[in-house]
Amino acid sequence: MSLFSPDELMAAWSFSWAFKREEVIAAFEHRLERIAASARATEYAIEDVARDPEKPPHIAEHWRLAQARLDGEAQWLTSVLEGLRAGEYWFAEEPDPPFTTHAGFGRR
């Protein structure tokens, strides 16, 4: 999944019920790790812009904007992870799905 593509995350979340709860939790934890790594890289990139007189200073705002979007996603992921760990939502191999899983989808 691309780090900067919210469309891919939206699609993944839409079909997350087809996976085991533990798989979704692991995927979200991994995504949080990638966002944290991006934050560290963003700090370096902004410092690099500031050191280079050939780079216009407004370029740093591109980095800040991209990271701000990822930080917002990280807040959402953290909130949803809390709910997942508390048993919210339904996932594959859990009893009694609260919705129709057409043609057996969601059953392994």
Protein backbone atom coordinates (compact mmCIF):
# COMPACT_ATOMS: atom_id res chain seq x y z
CA MET A 1 0.00 0.00 0.00
CA SER A 2 1.36 3.37 -0.97
CA LEU A 3 2.15 5.55 2.01
CA PHE A 4 0.53 8.61 0.45
CA SER A 5 -2.55 6.98 -1.07
CA PRO A 6 -5.65 7.31 1.11
CA ASP A 7 -7.71 5.54 -1.56
CA GLU A 8 -5.89 2.28 -0.93
CA LEU A 9 -6.49 2.52 2.82
CA MET A 10 -10.18 3.26 2.27
CA ALA A 11 -10.51 0.20 0.02
CA ALA A 12 -8.61 -1.98 2.48
CA TRP A 13 -10.80 -0.86 5.39
CA SER A 14 -13.96 -1.48 3.32
CA PHE A 15 -13.04 -5.14 2.91
CA SER A 16 -11.25 -5.64 6.23
CA TRP A 17 -14.12 -7.81 7.51
CA ALA A 18 -12.95 -10.53 5.12
CA PHE A 19 -9.76 -10.97 7.17
CA LYS A 20 -9.10 -12.14 10.69
CA ARG A 21 -9.12 -9.48 13.39
CA GLU A 22 -5.45 -10.19 14.18
CA GLU A 23 -4.50 -9.63 10.53
CA VAL A 24 -6.21 -6.24 10.44
CA ILE A 25 -4.62 -5.21 13.72
CA ALA A 26 -1.17 -6.23 12.43
CA ALA A 27 -1.71 -4.34 9.18
CA PHE A 28 -2.78 -1.18 11.01
CA GLU A 29 0.17 -1.43 13.41
CA HIS A 30 2.50 -1.76 10.41
CA ARG A 31 0.90 1.28 8.79
CA LEU A 32 1.48 3.28 11.98
CA GLU A 33 5.15 2.26 11.92
CA ARG A 34 5.48 3.45 8.32
CA ILE A 35 3.85 6.79 9.20
CA ALA A 36 6.26 7.23 12.12
CA ALA A 37 9.20 6.50 9.81
CA SER A 38 7.83 9.05 7.36
CA ALA A 39 7.72 11.65 10.14
CA ARG A 40 11.42 11.11 10.80
CA ALA A 41 12.21 11.35 7.09
CA THR A 42 10.09 14.49 6.80
CA GLU A 43 12.09 16.18 9.56
CA TYR A 44 15.29 15.41 7.67
CA ALA A 45 13.84 16.65 4.37
CA ILE A 46 12.75 19.95 5.96
CA GLU A 47 16.19 20.41 7.50
CA ASP A 48 17.75 19.66 4.11
CA VAL A 49 15.62 22.35 2.45
CA ALA A 50 16.68 24.85 5.11
CA ARG A 51 20.38 24.06 4.57
CA ASP A 52 20.29 24.38 0.79
CA PRO A 53 20.18 27.97 -0.49
CA GLU A 54 19.25 26.63 -3.93
CA LYS A 55 15.92 25.27 -2.65
CA PRO A 56 13.04 27.69 -2.15
CA PRO A 57 11.93 27.61 1.50
CA HIS A 58 8.28 27.07 0.61
CA ILE A 59 9.20 23.56 -0.57
CA ALA A 60 9.28 22.56 3.10
CA GLU A 61 5.53 23.19 3.22
CA HIS A 62 4.97 20.36 0.74
CA TRP A 63 6.64 18.02 3.21
CA ARG A 64 4.68 19.45 6.13
CA LEU A 65 1.37 19.06 4.30
CA ALA A 66 2.04 15.45 3.32
CA GLN A 67 3.07 14.59 6.87
CA ALA A 68 0.08 16.42 8.37
CA ARG A 69 -2.21 14.22 6.31
CA LEU A 70 -0.38 11.13 7.49
CA ASP A 71 -0.50 12.33 11.10
CA GLY A 72 -4.28 12.64 10.78
CA GLU A 73 -4.43 9.11 9.45
CA ALA A 74 -2.30 7.93 12.37
CA GLN A 75 -4.79 9.46 14.81
CA TRP A 76 -7.61 7.62 13.07
CA LEU A 77 -5.66 4.35 13.02
CA THR A 78 -4.89 4.65 16.73
CA SER A 79 -8.57 5.21 17.52
CA VAL A 80 -9.75 2.31 15.36
CA LEU A 81 -7.06 0.02 16.77
CA GLU A 82 -8.36 0.72 20.25
CA GLY A 83 -11.81 -0.37 19.12
CA LEU A 84 -10.48 -3.45 17.33
CA ARG A 85 -8.63 -4.57 20.43
CA ALA A 86 -11.82 -4.02 22.47
CA GLY A 87 -13.78 -6.32 20.16
CA GLU A 88 -15.56 -3.75 18.00
CA TYR A 89 -16.56 -4.66 14.44
CA TRP A 90 -16.86 -8.14 12.95
CA PHE A 91 -14.18 -10.11 11.11
CA ALA A 92 -13.75 -13.44 9.36
CA GLU A 93 -13.95 -16.55 11.50
CA GLU A 94 -15.91 -14.75 14.22
CA PRO A 95 -19.41 -16.07 14.95
CA ASP A 96 -22.61 -14.50 13.74
CA PRO A 97 -21.76 -11.77 11.24
CA PRO A 98 -24.07 -8.76 11.69
CA PHE A 99 -24.47 -8.44 7.91
CA THR A 100 -24.88 -10.71 4.90
CA THR A 101 -21.54 -12.00 3.65
CA HIS A 102 -22.74 -12.69 0.08
CA ALA A 103 -21.84 -16.03 -1.42
CA GLY A 104 -19.73 -17.03 1.53
CA PHE A 105 -17.34 -14.10 1.52
CA GLY A 106 -15.92 -13.56 4.94
CA ARG A 107 -15.95 -17.27 5.69
CA ARG A 108 -12.69 -19.21 5.47
